[in-house]
Amino acid sequence: MSFSFFAFDSRFFWEDVYNYNGWIIQLNVRTLKYRLLDTFSVCREAGSFEQCKETLLKYIRACELDDLHDNTVIVLHGFGGNRTSAKNICDGLNGINANIIPISYATFRRGIGFHANILAQMIQNTDIKGKLYIVNIGASCLITRKLLGNSDNYRRYNIERILDINPINSGSDLAELFMNNRFLKFLLGPMLKDIATPNAVNLEKLPEEIDHGLIFAQNKFKVTLKKLFARFESFPRVNPPSEKTYAEKIKNVDLRTWFTLNDEQLANYCKNFITTGDFMEVWRAFTDEKSKPQKTKNSESKRVSKSKK
């Protein structure tokens, strides 16, 4: 067993291909080598997938790691993010009876087709016994569409629900704009072209049989970015369909914060949809309980005395 500290950021060269209670096997998209990370992102093994899997099994027996649940929730971060980008969303889901698996992928080094194939490998390696739920953040909705579009994979994977948070199913006009800059095109990689509006709208939509929900959470960063690039009126060059045409279950949230994914209210909406298929508001249940008259000892004694009379 090898042992080394401080794994590099996975948004550049590493993609998750297996996850067991926070122990992760990753693939390097350049060398096609694998490594095993523990829950503290310390590298415990490097080499082939079989070597990393064998080492993981030894740690499972030695550390007596808990068994997995039947149901699994996969959380995919957005373009330019990493696993920690979705930490608050994952923390909000921890209370449900399922394996919560945040997945990292190399957004700046590979295109959507490559990420979709690795996601398929991830699902197959996990050997999910129950239902599978997928939470997409931003551009990752396109990866899921690439994986499931024009195929029966959703039946084989036993997918129950898919939730998109601030999706760009119709593509990003900013990505189309950045494609004209050679430096940005090189820096942001091949996925930049995939998320541009002309290419994104050509992907197959999700199968209608899947319970699909959308959350649109307005935030200050998005509003400021739109104002900054408002003068580029020629983008997008195509007329894409509205984002709200991709699903019937839609929730609009006006958070007015800079960091949308850190908002507790958003995490609650996400948890509600995954568990019930609806966006019911959690705080109403607490309000109804508080609005009920509380029984006290004095009121109870008065009721008993009146009954005796």
C-alpha atoms as a PDB file:
ATOM      1  CA  MET A   1       0.000   0.000   0.000  1.00  0.00           C
ATOM      2  CA  SER A   2       1.367   3.411  -0.960  1.00  0.00           C
ATOM      3  CA  PHE A   3       0.784   6.475   1.170  1.00  0.00           C
ATOM      4  CA  SER A   4       1.186  10.149   0.181  1.00  0.00           C
ATOM      5  CA  PHE A   5      -0.368  13.435   1.178  1.00  0.00           C
ATOM      6  CA  PHE A   6      -2.440  16.120  -0.521  1.00  0.00           C
ATOM      7  CA  ALA A   7      -4.010  14.977  -3.782  1.00  0.00           C
ATOM      8  CA  PHE A   8      -4.203  17.609  -6.532  1.00  0.00           C
ATOM      9  CA  ASP A   9      -7.444  19.330  -7.446  1.00  0.00           C
ATOM     10  CA  SER A  10      -9.615  16.963  -9.479  1.00  0.00           C
ATOM     11  CA  ARG A  11     -11.099  19.670 -11.683  1.00  0.00           C
ATOM     12  CA  PHE A  12      -7.978  19.562 -13.887  1.00  0.00           C
ATOM     13  CA  PHE A  13      -6.850  15.953 -14.414  1.00  0.00           C
ATOM     14  CA  TRP A  14      -8.844  13.520 -12.234  1.00  0.00           C
ATOM     15  CA  GLU A  15     -12.295  11.945 -12.531  1.00  0.00           C
ATOM     16  CA  ASP A  16     -14.108   9.818  -9.946  1.00  0.00           C
ATOM     17  CA  VAL A  17     -14.839   6.270 -11.072  1.00  0.00           C
ATOM     18  CA  TYR A  18     -15.699   4.631  -7.735  1.00  0.00           C
ATOM     19  CA  ASN A  19     -16.859   5.785  -4.318  1.00  0.00           C
ATOM     20  CA  TYR A  20     -17.298   3.731  -1.161  1.00  0.00           C
ATOM     21  CA  ASN A  21     -18.299   5.738   1.917  1.00  0.00           C
ATOM     22  CA  GLY A  22     -16.029   8.618   0.904  1.00  0.00           C
ATOM     23  CA  TRP A  23     -13.117   6.441  -0.255  1.00  0.00           C
ATOM     24  CA  ILE A  24     -12.647   7.358  -3.915  1.00  0.00           C
ATOM     25  CA  ILE A  25     -10.899   5.759  -6.881  1.00  0.00           C
ATOM     26  CA  GLN A  26     -10.001   8.351  -9.523  1.00  0.00           C
ATOM     27  CA  LEU A  27      -8.798   8.174 -13.122  1.00  0.00           C
ATOM     28  CA  ASN A  28      -6.164  10.554 -14.496  1.00  0.00           C
ATOM     29  CA  VAL A  29      -7.497  11.766 -17.858  1.00  0.00           C
ATOM     30  CA  ARG A  30      -3.959  12.256 -19.223  1.00  0.00           C
ATOM     31  CA  THR A  31      -2.069   9.162 -18.059  1.00  0.00           C
ATOM     32  CA  LEU A  32      -5.155   6.910 -17.628  1.00  0.00           C
ATOM     33  CA  LYS A  33      -3.705   5.756 -14.285  1.00  0.00           C
ATOM     34  CA  TYR A  34      -5.796   5.313 -11.143  1.00  0.00           C
ATOM     35  CA  ARG A  35      -5.377   6.350  -7.515  1.00  0.00           C
ATOM     36  CA  LEU A  36      -7.215   5.625  -4.267  1.00  0.00           C
ATOM     37  CA  LEU A  37      -8.073   8.507  -1.921  1.00  0.00           C
ATOM     38  CA  ASP A  38      -9.344   8.143   1.628  1.00  0.00           C
ATOM     39  CA  THR A  39     -11.928  10.425   3.239  1.00  0.00           C
ATOM     40  CA  PHE A  40      -9.206  13.038   3.909  1.00  0.00           C
ATOM     41  CA  SER A  41      -8.088  13.065   0.228  1.00  0.00           C
ATOM     42  CA  VAL A  42      -4.882  11.260   1.119  1.00  0.00           C
ATOM     43  CA  CYS A  43      -3.617   8.980  -1.653  1.00  0.00           C
ATOM     44  CA  ARG A  44      -3.451   5.386  -0.397  1.00  0.00           C
ATOM     45  CA  GLU A  45      -2.704   3.556  -3.641  1.00  0.00           C
ATOM     46  CA  ALA A  46      -1.784   4.308  -7.274  1.00  0.00           C
ATOM     47  CA  GLY A  47      -1.693   2.115 -10.363  1.00  0.00           C
ATOM     48  CA  SER A  48      -4.408   0.100 -12.078  1.00  0.00           C
ATOM     49  CA  PHE A  49      -8.084   0.064 -11.107  1.00  0.00           C
ATOM     50  CA  GLU A  50      -7.735  -3.499  -9.840  1.00  0.00           C
ATOM     51  CA  GLN A  51      -4.822  -2.511  -7.570  1.00  0.00           C
ATOM     52  CA  CYS A  52      -6.780   0.382  -6.089  1.00  0.00           C
ATOM     53  CA  LYS A  53      -9.880  -1.781  -5.629  1.00  0.00           C
ATOM     54  CA  GLU A  54      -7.883  -4.510  -3.887  1.00  0.00           C
ATOM     55  CA  THR A  55      -6.288  -1.975  -1.527  1.00  0.00           C
ATOM     56  CA  LEU A  56      -9.712  -0.489  -0.788  1.00  0.00           C
ATOM     57  CA  LEU A  57     -11.055  -3.922   0.151  1.00  0.00           C
ATOM     58  CA  LYS A  58      -8.177  -4.316   2.628  1.00  0.00           C
ATOM     59  CA  TYR A  59      -9.028  -0.973   4.237  1.00  0.00           C
ATOM     60  CA  ILE A  60     -12.723  -1.907   4.372  1.00  0.00           C
ATOM     61  CA  ARG A  61     -11.860  -5.015   6.368  1.00  0.00           C
ATOM     62  CA  ALA A  62      -9.233  -3.286   8.523  1.00  0.00           C
ATOM     63  CA  CYS A  63     -11.250  -0.138   9.284  1.00  0.00           C
ATOM     64  CA  GLU A  64     -14.627  -1.925   9.390  1.00  0.00           C
ATOM     65  CA  LEU A  65     -16.279   0.630   7.116  1.00  0.00           C
ATOM     66  CA  ASP A  66     -20.080   0.727   7.138  1.00  0.00           C
ATOM     67  CA  ASP A  67     -22.055  -1.137   4.485  1.00  0.00           C
ATOM     68  CA  LEU A  68     -23.675   0.830   1.677  1.00  0.00           C
ATOM     69  CA  HIS A  69     -27.379   1.665   1.462  1.00  0.00           C
ATOM     70  CA  ASP A  70     -29.535   0.278  -1.334  1.00  0.00           C
ATOM     71  CA  ASN A  71     -30.472   3.679  -2.811  1.00  0.00           C
ATOM     72  CA  THR A  72     -27.860   6.112  -4.139  1.00  0.00           C
ATOM     73  CA  VAL A  73     -27.845   9.852  -4.866  1.00  0.00           C
ATOM     74  CA  ILE A  74     -25.160  11.092  -7.277  1.00  0.00           C
ATOM     75  CA  VAL A  75     -24.364  14.813  -7.179  1.00  0.00           C
ATOM     76  CA  LEU A  76     -22.541  16.380 -10.146  1.00  0.00           C
ATOM     77  CA  HIS A  77     -20.952  19.825  -9.822  1.00  0.00           C
ATOM     78  CA  GLY A  78     -21.078  22.501 -12.498  1.00  0.00           C
ATOM     79  CA  PHE A  79     -18.542  23.701 -15.059  1.00  0.00           C
ATOM     80  CA  GLY A  80     -15.296  24.774 -13.394  1.00  0.00           C
ATOM     81  CA  GLY A  81     -16.271  23.349 -10.002  1.00  0.00           C
ATOM     82  CA  ASN A  82     -15.221  20.295  -8.012  1.00  0.00           C
ATOM     83  CA  ARG A  83     -16.629  17.940  -5.403  1.00  0.00           C
ATOM     84  CA  THR A  84     -16.552  20.535  -2.630  1.00  0.00           C
ATOM     85  CA  SER A  85     -18.720  22.878  -4.718  1.00  0.00           C
ATOM     86  CA  ALA A  86     -21.725  20.731  -3.862  1.00  0.00           C
ATOM     87  CA  LYS A  87     -20.836  20.152  -0.200  1.00  0.00           C
ATOM     88  CA  ASN A  88     -23.827  22.027   1.203  1.00  0.00           C
ATOM     89  CA  ILE A  89     -26.223  20.183  -1.110  1.00  0.00           C
ATOM     90  CA  CYS A  90     -24.732  16.845  -0.027  1.00  0.00           C
ATOM     91  CA  ASP A  91     -24.912  17.815   3.653  1.00  0.00           C
ATOM     92  CA  GLY A  92     -28.603  18.585   3.217  1.00  0.00           C
ATOM     93  CA  LEU A  93     -29.164  15.102   1.780  1.00  0.00           C
ATOM     94  CA  ASN A  94     -27.279  13.221   4.491  1.00  0.00           C
ATOM     95  CA  GLY A  95     -30.411  12.614   6.516  1.00  0.00           C
ATOM     96  CA  ILE A  96     -32.062  10.391   3.912  1.00  0.00           C
ATOM     97  CA  ASN A  97     -31.577   6.641   3.711  1.00  0.00           C
ATOM     98  CA  ALA A  98     -29.231   6.607   0.706  1.00  0.00           C
ATOM     99  CA  ASN A  99     -25.580   6.792  -0.303  1.00  0.00           C
ATOM    100  CA  ILE A 100     -24.719  10.429  -1.087  1.00  0.00           C
ATOM    101  CA  ILE A 101     -21.931  10.477  -3.685  1.00  0.00           C
ATOM    102  CA  PRO A 102     -20.517  13.804  -4.930  1.00  0.00           C
ATOM    103  CA  ILE A 103     -18.576  13.229  -8.139  1.00  0.00           C
ATOM    104  CA  SER A 104     -15.634  15.226  -9.481  1.00  0.00           C
ATOM    105  CA  TYR A 105     -14.743  15.363 -13.154  1.00  0.00           C
ATOM    106  CA  ALA A 106     -12.060  17.193 -15.154  1.00  0.00           C
ATOM    107  CA  THR A 107     -14.142  20.018 -16.628  1.00  0.00           C
ATOM    108  CA  PHE A 108     -11.154  21.796 -18.227  1.00  0.00           C
ATOM    109  CA  ARG A 109      -9.571  18.773 -19.926  1.00  0.00           C
ATOM    110  CA  ARG A 110     -12.300  16.628 -21.507  1.00  0.00           C
ATOM    111  CA  GLY A 111     -15.608  17.025 -23.318  1.00  0.00           C
ATOM    112  CA  ILE A 112     -19.116  15.974 -22.349  1.00  0.00           C
ATOM    113  CA  GLY A 113     -18.889  12.635 -24.178  1.00  0.00           C
ATOM    114  CA  PHE A 114     -15.859  11.569 -22.127  1.00  0.00           C
ATOM    115  CA  HIS A 115     -17.493  12.648 -18.850  1.00  0.00           C
ATOM    116  CA  ALA A 116     -20.681  10.743 -19.733  1.00  0.00           C
ATOM    117  CA  ASN A 117     -18.684   7.549 -20.329  1.00  0.00           C
ATOM    118  CA  ILE A 118     -16.872   7.920 -16.996  1.00  0.00           C
ATOM    119  CA  LEU A 119     -20.201   8.543 -15.253  1.00  0.00           C
ATOM    120  CA  ALA A 120     -21.524   5.315 -16.760  1.00  0.00           C
ATOM    121  CA  GLN A 121     -18.435   3.515 -15.455  1.00  0.00           C
ATOM    122  CA  MET A 122     -18.990   5.079 -12.037  1.00  0.00           C
ATOM    123  CA  ILE A 123     -22.592   3.865 -11.878  1.00  0.00           C
ATOM    124  CA  GLN A 124     -21.633   0.358 -12.986  1.00  0.00           C
ATOM    125  CA  ASN A 125     -18.776   0.131 -10.466  1.00  0.00           C
ATOM    126  CA  THR A 126     -21.040   1.254  -7.616  1.00  0.00           C
ATOM    127  CA  ASP A 127     -23.351  -1.752  -8.193  1.00  0.00           C
ATOM    128  CA  ILE A 128     -26.490   0.064  -7.037  1.00  0.00           C
ATOM    129  CA  LYS A 129     -29.053  -2.335  -5.538  1.00  0.00           C
ATOM    130  CA  GLY A 130     -31.961   0.101  -5.178  1.00  0.00           C
ATOM    131  CA  LYS A 131     -33.016   3.344  -6.852  1.00  0.00           C
ATOM    132  CA  LEU A 132     -30.630   5.880  -8.379  1.00  0.00           C
ATOM    133  CA  TYR A 133     -31.153   9.640  -8.054  1.00  0.00           C
ATOM    134  CA  ILE A 134     -29.065  12.274  -9.864  1.00  0.00           C
ATOM    135  CA  VAL A 135     -28.617  15.922  -8.836  1.00  0.00           C
ATOM    136  CA  ASN A 136     -27.074  18.130 -11.537  1.00  0.00           C
ATOM    137  CA  ILE A 137     -25.629  21.573 -10.908  1.00  0.00           C
ATOM    138  CA  GLY A 138     -25.256  23.935 -13.867  1.00  0.00           C
ATOM    139  CA  ALA A 139     -23.641  22.378 -16.946  1.00  0.00           C
ATOM    140  CA  SER A 140     -23.627  18.821 -15.564  1.00  0.00           C
ATOM    141  CA  CYS A 141     -27.240  18.469 -16.753  1.00  0.00           C
ATOM    142  CA  LEU A 142     -25.769  18.125 -20.255  1.00  0.00           C
ATOM    143  CA  ILE A 143     -23.573  15.220 -19.121  1.00  0.00           C
ATOM    144  CA  THR A 144     -26.631  13.385 -17.805  1.00  0.00           C
ATOM    145  CA  ARG A 145     -28.514  14.047 -21.044  1.00  0.00           C
ATOM    146  CA  LYS A 146     -25.544  12.722 -23.015  1.00  0.00           C
ATOM    147  CA  LEU A 147     -25.514   9.588 -20.863  1.00  0.00           C
ATOM    148  CA  LEU A 148     -29.240   8.856 -21.078  1.00  0.00           C
ATOM    149  CA  GLY A 149     -30.280  10.432 -24.368  1.00  0.00           C
ATOM    150  CA  ASN A 150     -31.413   8.100 -27.132  1.00  0.00           C
ATOM    151  CA  SER A 151     -30.834   4.953 -25.080  1.00  0.00           C
ATOM    152  CA  ASP A 152     -32.440   2.695 -22.473  1.00  0.00           C
ATOM    153  CA  ASN A 153     -29.706   3.270 -19.893  1.00  0.00           C
ATOM    154  CA  TYR A 154     -32.190   4.863 -17.499  1.00  0.00           C
ATOM    155  CA  ARG A 155     -34.008   1.529 -17.215  1.00  0.00           C
ATOM    156  CA  ARG A 156     -30.779  -0.407 -16.686  1.00  0.00           C
ATOM    157  CA  TYR A 157     -29.577   2.089 -14.070  1.00  0.00           C
ATOM    158  CA  ASN A 158     -33.001   2.099 -12.334  1.00  0.00           C
ATOM    159  CA  ILE A 159     -33.123   5.916 -12.216  1.00  0.00           C
ATOM    160  CA  GLU A 160     -35.976   7.236 -10.069  1.00  0.00           C
ATOM    161  CA  ARG A 161     -35.546  11.042 -10.229  1.00  0.00           C
ATOM    162  CA  ILE A 162     -33.264  13.693 -11.709  1.00  0.00           C
ATOM    163  CA  LEU A 163     -32.983  17.219 -10.330  1.00  0.00           C
ATOM    164  CA  ASP A 164     -31.258  20.095 -12.149  1.00  0.00           C
ATOM    165  CA  ILE A 165     -30.134  23.144 -10.153  1.00  0.00           C
ATOM    166  CA  ASN A 166     -29.629  26.270 -12.300  1.00  0.00           C
ATOM    167  CA  PRO A 167     -29.348  24.122 -15.447  1.00  0.00           C
ATOM    168  CA  ILE A 168     -28.171  25.233 -18.882  1.00  0.00           C
ATOM    169  CA  ASN A 169     -30.057  22.659 -20.922  1.00  0.00           C
ATOM    170  CA  SER A 170     -30.349  25.238 -23.706  1.00  0.00           C
ATOM    171  CA  GLY A 171     -26.639  25.973 -23.490  1.00  0.00           C
ATOM    172  CA  SER A 172     -24.613  28.981 -22.414  1.00  0.00           C
ATOM    173  CA  ASP A 173     -24.430  32.089 -24.589  1.00  0.00           C
ATOM    174  CA  LEU A 174     -21.328  33.132 -22.640  1.00  0.00           C
ATOM    175  CA  ALA A 175     -19.613  29.893 -23.665  1.00  0.00           C
ATOM    176  CA  GLU A 176     -20.427  30.695 -27.275  1.00  0.00           C
ATOM    177  CA  LEU A 177     -18.935  34.141 -26.757  1.00  0.00           C
ATOM    178  CA  PHE A 178     -15.777  32.801 -25.087  1.00  0.00           C
ATOM    179  CA  MET A 179     -15.231  30.405 -28.011  1.00  0.00           C
ATOM    180  CA  ASN A 180     -14.071  33.414 -30.079  1.00  0.00           C
ATOM    181  CA  ASN A 181     -11.153  34.002 -27.716  1.00  0.00           C
ATOM    182  CA  ARG A 182      -8.226  31.641 -28.368  1.00  0.00           C
ATOM    183  CA  PHE A 183      -6.813  31.982 -24.862  1.00  0.00           C
ATOM    184  CA  LEU A 184     -10.143  31.240 -23.144  1.00  0.00           C
ATOM    185  CA  LYS A 185     -10.823  28.414 -25.576  1.00  0.00           C
ATOM    186  CA  PHE A 186      -7.485  26.799 -24.651  1.00  0.00           C
ATOM    187  CA  LEU A 187      -7.817  27.528 -20.927  1.00  0.00           C
ATOM    188  CA  LEU A 188     -11.388  26.240 -20.485  1.00  0.00           C
ATOM    189  CA  GLY A 189     -10.925  23.172 -22.652  1.00  0.00           C
ATOM    190  CA  PRO A 190     -13.150  21.167 -25.027  1.00  0.00           C
ATOM    191  CA  MET A 191     -16.184  21.201 -22.745  1.00  0.00           C
ATOM    192  CA  LEU A 192     -16.564  24.928 -23.450  1.00  0.00           C
ATOM    193  CA  LYS A 193     -17.654  24.092 -26.986  1.00  0.00           C
ATOM    194  CA  ASP A 194     -20.039  21.387 -25.756  1.00  0.00           C
ATOM    195  CA  ILE A 195     -21.940  23.735 -23.437  1.00  0.00           C
ATOM    196  CA  ALA A 196     -22.293  26.486 -26.050  1.00  0.00           C
ATOM    197  CA  THR A 197     -25.887  26.971 -27.165  1.00  0.00           C
ATOM    198  CA  PRO A 198     -25.680  25.452 -30.699  1.00  0.00           C
ATOM    199  CA  ASN A 199     -24.261  22.143 -29.392  1.00  0.00           C
ATOM    200  CA  ALA A 200     -26.260  21.893 -26.161  1.00  0.00           C
ATOM    201  CA  VAL A 201     -29.676  22.170 -27.857  1.00  0.00           C
ATOM    202  CA  ASN A 202     -28.790  19.262 -30.165  1.00  0.00           C
ATOM    203  CA  LEU A 203     -28.486  16.791 -27.284  1.00  0.00           C
ATOM    204  CA  GLU A 204     -31.399  14.428 -26.722  1.00  0.00           C
ATOM    205  CA  LYS A 205     -33.740  15.408 -23.902  1.00  0.00           C
ATOM    206  CA  LEU A 206     -34.195  13.138 -20.909  1.00  0.00           C
ATOM    207  CA  PRO A 207     -36.732  10.318 -21.333  1.00  0.00           C
ATOM    208  CA  GLU A 208     -40.249  11.398 -20.346  1.00  0.00           C
ATOM    209  CA  GLU A 209     -40.564   8.413 -18.010  1.00  0.00           C
ATOM    210  CA  ILE A 210     -38.014   9.929 -15.601  1.00  0.00           C
ATOM    211  CA  ASP A 211     -39.346  12.170 -12.820  1.00  0.00           C
ATOM    212  CA  HIS A 212     -37.476  15.381 -13.666  1.00  0.00           C
ATOM    213  CA  GLY A 213     -37.391  18.649 -11.685  1.00  0.00           C
ATOM    214  CA  LEU A 214     -35.729  22.046 -12.141  1.00  0.00           C
ATOM    215  CA  ILE A 215     -34.669  24.635  -9.559  1.00  0.00           C
ATOM    216  CA  PHE A 216     -33.812  28.153 -10.704  1.00  0.00           C
ATOM    217  CA  ALA A 217     -32.078  30.064  -7.899  1.00  0.00           C
ATOM    218  CA  GLN A 218     -31.356  33.674  -8.800  1.00  0.00           C
ATOM    219  CA  ASN A 219     -28.147  35.014  -7.272  1.00  0.00           C
ATOM    220  CA  LYS A 220     -26.148  38.230  -7.330  1.00  0.00           C
ATOM    221  CA  PHE A 221     -23.263  36.731  -9.285  1.00  0.00           C
ATOM    222  CA  LYS A 222     -25.495  35.671 -12.170  1.00  0.00           C
ATOM    223  CA  VAL A 223     -27.278  39.025 -12.262  1.00  0.00           C
ATOM    224  CA  THR A 224     -23.969  40.926 -12.258  1.00  0.00           C
ATOM    225  CA  LEU A 225     -22.526  38.695 -14.993  1.00  0.00           C
ATOM    226  CA  LYS A 226     -25.542  39.272 -17.220  1.00  0.00           C
ATOM    227  CA  LYS A 227     -25.233  43.029 -16.813  1.00  0.00           C
ATOM    228  CA  LEU A 228     -21.520  42.852 -17.592  1.00  0.00           C
ATOM    229  CA  PHE A 229     -22.083  41.056 -20.904  1.00  0.00           C
ATOM    230  CA  ALA A 230     -25.383  42.698 -21.803  1.00  0.00           C
ATOM    231  CA  ARG A 231     -23.772  44.638 -24.644  1.00  0.00           C
ATOM    232  CA  PHE A 232     -23.121  41.433 -26.606  1.00  0.00           C
ATOM    233  CA  GLU A 233     -26.622  41.348 -28.071  1.00  0.00           C
ATOM    234  CA  SER A 234     -25.688  39.070 -30.976  1.00  0.00           C
ATOM    235  CA  PHE A 235     -25.348  36.047 -28.694  1.00  0.00           C
ATOM    236  CA  PRO A 236     -26.637  33.442 -28.841  1.00  0.00           C
ATOM    237  CA  ARG A 237     -26.738  33.151 -32.599  1.00  0.00           C
ATOM    238  CA  VAL A 238     -29.539  30.560 -32.416  1.00  0.00           C
ATOM    239  CA  ASN A 239     -32.909  30.886 -30.737  1.00  0.00           C
ATOM    240  CA  PRO A 240     -32.792  28.185 -28.027  1.00  0.00           C
ATOM    241  CA  PRO A 241     -35.876  26.795 -26.261  1.00  0.00           C
ATOM    242  CA  SER A 242     -36.649  28.122 -22.804  1.00  0.00           C
ATOM    243  CA  GLU A 243     -35.011  26.326 -19.893  1.00  0.00           C
ATOM    244  CA  LYS A 244     -38.458  25.746 -18.395  1.00  0.00           C
ATOM    245  CA  THR A 245     -39.502  23.543 -21.327  1.00  0.00           C
ATOM    246  CA  TYR A 246     -37.267  20.691 -20.175  1.00  0.00           C
ATOM    247  CA  ALA A 247     -39.404  19.626 -17.191  1.00  0.00           C
ATOM    248  CA  GLU A 248     -42.861  20.175 -15.731  1.00  0.00           C
ATOM    249  CA  LYS A 249     -41.821  20.361 -12.081  1.00  0.00           C
ATOM    250  CA  ILE A 250     -40.150  23.763 -11.622  1.00  0.00           C
ATOM    251  CA  LYS A 251     -39.208  25.799  -8.561  1.00  0.00           C
ATOM    252  CA  ASN A 252     -38.085  29.434  -8.719  1.00  0.00           C
ATOM    253  CA  VAL A 253     -36.114  30.692  -5.719  1.00  0.00           C
ATOM    254  CA  ASP A 254     -34.941  34.272  -5.253  1.00  0.00           C
ATOM    255  CA  LEU A 255     -32.036  33.903  -2.825  1.00  0.00           C
ATOM    256  CA  ARG A 256     -30.282  37.249  -3.393  1.00  0.00           C
ATOM    257  CA  THR A 257     -26.958  35.807  -2.292  1.00  0.00           C
ATOM    258  CA  TRP A 258     -23.558  35.526  -3.970  1.00  0.00           C
ATOM    259  CA  PHE A 259     -23.090  31.806  -3.298  1.00  0.00           C
ATOM    260  CA  THR A 260     -26.302  30.002  -4.216  1.00  0.00           C
ATOM    261  CA  LEU A 261     -25.200  26.477  -3.367  1.00  0.00           C
ATOM    262  CA  ASN A 262     -24.431  27.424   0.245  1.00  0.00           C
ATOM    263  CA  ASP A 263     -28.029  28.440   0.946  1.00  0.00           C
ATOM    264  CA  GLU A 264     -29.855  26.154   3.386  1.00  0.00           C
ATOM    265  CA  GLN A 265     -33.234  26.818   1.779  1.00  0.00           C
ATOM    266  CA  LEU A 266     -31.968  25.511  -1.563  1.00  0.00           C
ATOM    267  CA  ALA A 267     -30.649  22.361   0.124  1.00  0.00           C
ATOM    268  CA  ASN A 268     -34.092  21.784   1.656  1.00  0.00           C
ATOM    269  CA  TYR A 269     -35.838  22.067  -1.712  1.00  0.00           C
ATOM    270  CA  CYS A 270     -33.336  19.607  -3.137  1.00  0.00           C
ATOM    271  CA  LYS A 271     -33.908  17.124  -0.325  1.00  0.00           C
ATOM    272  CA  ASN A 272     -37.694  17.394  -0.636  1.00  0.00           C
ATOM    273  CA  PHE A 273     -37.679  16.646  -4.351  1.00  0.00           C
ATOM    274  CA  ILE A 274     -35.334  13.677  -4.038  1.00  0.00           C
ATOM    275  CA  THR A 275     -37.383  12.117  -1.233  1.00  0.00           C
ATOM    276  CA  THR A 276     -40.939  12.998  -2.328  1.00  0.00           C
ATOM    277  CA  GLY A 277     -40.776  14.215  -5.924  1.00  0.00           C
ATOM    278  CA  ASP A 278     -42.180  17.603  -4.917  1.00  0.00           C
ATOM    279  CA  PHE A 279     -40.829  21.005  -3.796  1.00  0.00           C
ATOM    280  CA  MET A 280     -42.972  21.385  -0.682  1.00  0.00           C
ATOM    281  CA  GLU A 281     -41.572  23.982   1.684  1.00  0.00           C
ATOM    282  CA  VAL A 282     -40.215  22.551   4.913  1.00  0.00           C
ATOM    283  CA  TRP A 283     -40.764  25.684   7.004  1.00  0.00           C
ATOM    284  CA  ARG A 284     -44.562  25.489   6.567  1.00  0.00           C
ATOM    285  CA  ALA A 285     -44.690  22.227   8.474  1.00  0.00           C
ATOM    286  CA  PHE A 286     -42.889  23.835  11.424  1.00  0.00           C
ATOM    287  CA  THR A 287     -45.145  26.887  11.208  1.00  0.00           C
ATOM    288  CA  ASP A 288     -48.287  24.763  11.348  1.00  0.00           C
ATOM    289  CA  GLU A 289     -47.001  22.959  14.426  1.00  0.00           C
ATOM    290  CA  LYS A 290     -46.222  26.221  16.203  1.00  0.00           C
ATOM    291  CA  SER A 291     -49.602  27.728  15.321  1.00  0.00           C
ATOM    292  CA  LYS A 292     -51.476  24.945  17.124  1.00  0.00           C
ATOM    293  CA  PRO A 293     -52.616  25.788  20.695  1.00  0.00           C
ATOM    294  CA  GLN A 294     -50.295  24.299  23.241  1.00  0.00           C
ATOM    295  CA  LYS A 295     -51.746  22.255  26.073  1.00  0.00           C
ATOM    296  CA  THR A 296     -50.543  23.258  29.519  1.00  0.00           C
ATOM    297  CA  LYS A 297     -51.074  21.772  32.941  1.00  0.00           C
ATOM    298  CA  ASN A 298     -53.386  24.669  33.961  1.00  0.00           C
ATOM    299  CA  SER A 299     -55.594  24.318  30.884  1.00  0.00           C
ATOM    300  CA  GLU A 300     -55.769  20.558  31.385  1.00  0.00           C
ATOM    301  CA  SER A 301     -56.782  20.948  35.065  1.00  0.00           C
ATOM    302  CA  LYS A 302     -59.478  23.505  34.158  1.00  0.00           C
ATOM    303  CA  ARG A 303     -60.918  21.101  31.569  1.00  0.00           C
ATOM    304  CA  VAL A 304     -61.047  18.294  34.170  1.00  0.00           C
ATOM    305  CA  SER A 305     -62.732  20.516  36.782  1.00  0.00           C
ATOM    306  CA  LYS A 306     -65.391  21.637  34.316  1.00  0.00           C
ATOM    307  CA  SER A 307     -66.164  18.036  33.392  1.00  0.00           C
ATOM    308  CA  LYS A 308     -66.693  17.184  37.073  1.00  0.00           C
ATOM    309  CA  LYS A 309     -69.154  20.032  37.490  1.00  0.00           C
END
